Amino acid sequence: MANLFGVIVVPILLVVIIMLQIFLSKIESKWLGFILPAFNGVFSVIAVLGMAFFEKLSIIEIIIQATMVFLLWNIPTAILISIYYSCRKKLKKKKEIDKMNIQDLH
């Protein structure tokens, strides 16, 4: 059962999240595209705080592990933000082309 989850459900979930991010990034409001990266950023901070409070390690070990956890948890955040800026760039280019076409008509 666990193998089925890792092989089928996780890739489908990743595709759904990416499709949702693309959809939110293409919406007229620029703030909706930051919802998923913000959630992931908040969860990364929660993961670091949880690790820092519940691990019985020295301060150096906590700093090293907290840095690694924070960086690893924010890889998806970086991917979601890059999807956002890619979609917004295409949307901006399309708007500029539409604006030029309207000006050509006059």
C-alpha atoms as a PDB file:
ATOM      1  CA  MET A   1       0.000   0.000   0.000  1.00  0.00           C
ATOM      2  CA  ALA A   2       2.815   2.441   0.832  1.00  0.00           C
ATOM      3  CA  ASN A   3       4.474   1.731  -2.505  1.00  0.00           C
ATOM      4  CA  LEU A   4       1.226   2.535  -4.317  1.00  0.00           C
ATOM      5  CA  PHE A   5       1.094   5.896  -2.556  1.00  0.00           C
ATOM      6  CA  GLY A   6       4.626   6.806  -3.554  1.00  0.00           C
ATOM      7  CA  VAL A   7       4.312   5.652  -7.142  1.00  0.00           C
ATOM      8  CA  ILE A   8       0.839   6.886  -8.065  1.00  0.00           C
ATOM      9  CA  VAL A   9      -0.527   9.419  -5.597  1.00  0.00           C
ATOM     10  CA  VAL A  10       2.558  11.597  -5.076  1.00  0.00           C
ATOM     11  CA  PRO A  11       3.191  12.284  -8.811  1.00  0.00           C
ATOM     12  CA  ILE A  12      -0.506  13.006  -9.355  1.00  0.00           C
ATOM     13  CA  LEU A  13      -0.486  15.375  -6.373  1.00  0.00           C
ATOM     14  CA  LEU A  14       2.594  17.158  -7.736  1.00  0.00           C
ATOM     15  CA  VAL A  15       0.955  17.589 -11.148  1.00  0.00           C
ATOM     16  CA  VAL A  16      -2.208  18.958  -9.510  1.00  0.00           C
ATOM     17  CA  ILE A  17      -0.186  21.442  -7.429  1.00  0.00           C
ATOM     18  CA  ILE A  18       1.760  22.610 -10.489  1.00  0.00           C
ATOM     19  CA  MET A  19      -1.429  22.964 -12.540  1.00  0.00           C
ATOM     20  CA  LEU A  20      -3.061  24.919  -9.686  1.00  0.00           C
ATOM     21  CA  GLN A  21      -0.029  27.213  -9.490  1.00  0.00           C
ATOM     22  CA  ILE A  22      -0.157  27.831 -13.243  1.00  0.00           C
ATOM     23  CA  PHE A  23      -3.884  28.584 -13.026  1.00  0.00           C
ATOM     24  CA  LEU A  24      -3.457  30.964 -10.082  1.00  0.00           C
ATOM     25  CA  SER A  25      -0.519  32.694 -11.771  1.00  0.00           C
ATOM     26  CA  LYS A  26      -2.511  33.387 -14.939  1.00  0.00           C
ATOM     27  CA  ILE A  27      -5.412  35.023 -13.118  1.00  0.00           C
ATOM     28  CA  GLU A  28      -5.624  38.809 -13.490  1.00  0.00           C
ATOM     29  CA  SER A  29      -4.925  39.433  -9.799  1.00  0.00           C
ATOM     30  CA  LYS A  30      -1.205  39.146  -9.227  1.00  0.00           C
ATOM     31  CA  TRP A  31      -1.593  38.202  -5.559  1.00  0.00           C
ATOM     32  CA  LEU A  32      -3.338  34.862  -6.097  1.00  0.00           C
ATOM     33  CA  GLY A  33      -0.180  33.368  -7.588  1.00  0.00           C
ATOM     34  CA  PHE A  34       1.631  33.842  -4.285  1.00  0.00           C
ATOM     35  CA  ILE A  35      -0.789  31.669  -2.273  1.00  0.00           C
ATOM     36  CA  LEU A  36       0.961  28.306  -2.752  1.00  0.00           C
ATOM     37  CA  PRO A  37       4.528  29.672  -2.348  1.00  0.00           C
ATOM     38  CA  ALA A  38       3.421  31.484   0.818  1.00  0.00           C
ATOM     39  CA  PHE A  39       1.900  28.317   2.289  1.00  0.00           C
ATOM     40  CA  ASN A  40       5.054  26.396   1.521  1.00  0.00           C
ATOM     41  CA  GLY A  41       7.190  29.138   3.055  1.00  0.00           C
ATOM     42  CA  VAL A  42       5.105  29.099   6.234  1.00  0.00           C
ATOM     43  CA  PHE A  43       5.358  25.304   6.435  1.00  0.00           C
ATOM     44  CA  SER A  44       9.144  25.524   6.065  1.00  0.00           C
ATOM     45  CA  VAL A  45       9.333  27.901   9.028  1.00  0.00           C
ATOM     46  CA  ILE A  46       7.059  25.591  11.047  1.00  0.00           C
ATOM     47  CA  ALA A  47       9.302  22.633  10.178  1.00  0.00           C
ATOM     48  CA  VAL A  48      12.404  24.522  11.322  1.00  0.00           C
ATOM     49  CA  LEU A  49      10.782  25.686  14.550  1.00  0.00           C
ATOM     50  CA  GLY A  50       9.459  22.213  15.284  1.00  0.00           C
ATOM     51  CA  MET A  51      12.863  20.708  14.705  1.00  0.00           C
ATOM     52  CA  ALA A  52      14.578  23.363  16.825  1.00  0.00           C
ATOM     53  CA  PHE A  53      12.193  22.928  19.776  1.00  0.00           C
ATOM     54  CA  PHE A  54      11.961  19.150  19.851  1.00  0.00           C
ATOM     55  CA  GLU A  55      15.502  18.072  19.026  1.00  0.00           C
ATOM     56  CA  LYS A  56      17.974  17.727  21.867  1.00  0.00           C
ATOM     57  CA  LEU A  57      21.102  18.918  20.055  1.00  0.00           C
ATOM     58  CA  SER A  58      23.832  21.471  20.581  1.00  0.00           C
ATOM     59  CA  ILE A  59      23.278  24.971  19.232  1.00  0.00           C
ATOM     60  CA  ILE A  60      25.683  24.432  16.310  1.00  0.00           C
ATOM     61  CA  GLU A  61      23.938  21.201  15.313  1.00  0.00           C
ATOM     62  CA  ILE A  62      20.552  22.911  15.518  1.00  0.00           C
ATOM     63  CA  ILE A  63      21.747  25.797  13.322  1.00  0.00           C
ATOM     64  CA  ILE A  64      23.195  23.433  10.718  1.00  0.00           C
ATOM     65  CA  GLN A  65      20.138  21.189  10.660  1.00  0.00           C
ATOM     66  CA  ALA A  66      17.725  24.129  10.694  1.00  0.00           C
ATOM     67  CA  THR A  67      19.520  25.644   7.708  1.00  0.00           C
ATOM     68  CA  MET A  68      19.366  22.364   5.800  1.00  0.00           C
ATOM     69  CA  VAL A  69      15.682  21.814   6.639  1.00  0.00           C
ATOM     70  CA  PHE A  70      14.832  25.383   5.644  1.00  0.00           C
ATOM     71  CA  LEU A  71      16.675  25.103   2.318  1.00  0.00           C
ATOM     72  CA  LEU A  72      15.163  21.717   1.476  1.00  0.00           C
ATOM     73  CA  TRP A  73      11.629  22.812   2.343  1.00  0.00           C
ATOM     74  CA  ASN A  74      12.017  25.931   0.207  1.00  0.00           C
ATOM     75  CA  ILE A  75      13.010  24.122  -3.003  1.00  0.00           C
ATOM     76  CA  PRO A  76       9.296  23.732  -3.877  1.00  0.00           C
ATOM     77  CA  THR A  77       8.770  27.382  -2.928  1.00  0.00           C
ATOM     78  CA  ALA A  78      11.435  28.425  -5.428  1.00  0.00           C
ATOM     79  CA  ILE A  79       9.881  26.209  -8.109  1.00  0.00           C
ATOM     80  CA  LEU A  80       6.402  27.659  -7.482  1.00  0.00           C
ATOM     81  CA  ILE A  81       7.735  31.222  -7.591  1.00  0.00           C
ATOM     82  CA  SER A  82       9.564  30.519 -10.856  1.00  0.00           C
ATOM     83  CA  ILE A  83       6.311  29.154 -12.326  1.00  0.00           C
ATOM     84  CA  TYR A  84       4.563  32.317 -11.154  1.00  0.00           C
ATOM     85  CA  TYR A  85       7.074  34.680 -12.761  1.00  0.00           C
ATOM     86  CA  SER A  86       7.159  32.646 -15.956  1.00  0.00           C
ATOM     87  CA  CYS A  87       3.373  32.792 -16.303  1.00  0.00           C
ATOM     88  CA  ARG A  88       3.235  36.487 -15.409  1.00  0.00           C
ATOM     89  CA  LYS A  89       5.928  37.271 -17.978  1.00  0.00           C
ATOM     90  CA  LYS A  90       3.891  35.552 -20.696  1.00  0.00           C
ATOM     91  CA  LEU A  91       0.744  37.345 -19.528  1.00  0.00           C
ATOM     92  CA  LYS A  92       2.503  40.724 -19.599  1.00  0.00           C
ATOM     93  CA  LYS A  93       3.842  40.075 -23.097  1.00  0.00           C
ATOM     94  CA  LYS A  94       0.355  39.128 -24.303  1.00  0.00           C
ATOM     95  CA  LYS A  95      -1.098  42.318 -22.813  1.00  0.00           C
ATOM     96  CA  GLU A  96       1.554  44.420 -24.555  1.00  0.00           C
ATOM     97  CA  ILE A  97       0.815  42.749 -27.895  1.00  0.00           C
ATOM     98  CA  ASP A  98      -2.921  43.321 -27.408  1.00  0.00           C
ATOM     99  CA  LYS A  99      -2.245  46.966 -26.555  1.00  0.00           C
ATOM    100  CA  MET A 100      -0.145  47.391 -29.713  1.00  0.00           C
ATOM    101  CA  ASN A 101      -2.870  45.756 -31.808  1.00  0.00           C
ATOM    102  CA  ILE A 102      -5.472  48.135 -30.393  1.00  0.00           C
ATOM    103  CA  GLN A 103      -3.228  51.120 -31.149  1.00  0.00           C
ATOM    104  CA  ASP A 104      -2.720  49.860 -34.717  1.00  0.00           C
ATOM    105  CA  LEU A 105      -6.472  49.798 -35.234  1.00  0.00           C
ATOM    106  CA  HIS A 106      -6.806  53.519 -34.432  1.00  0.00           C
END
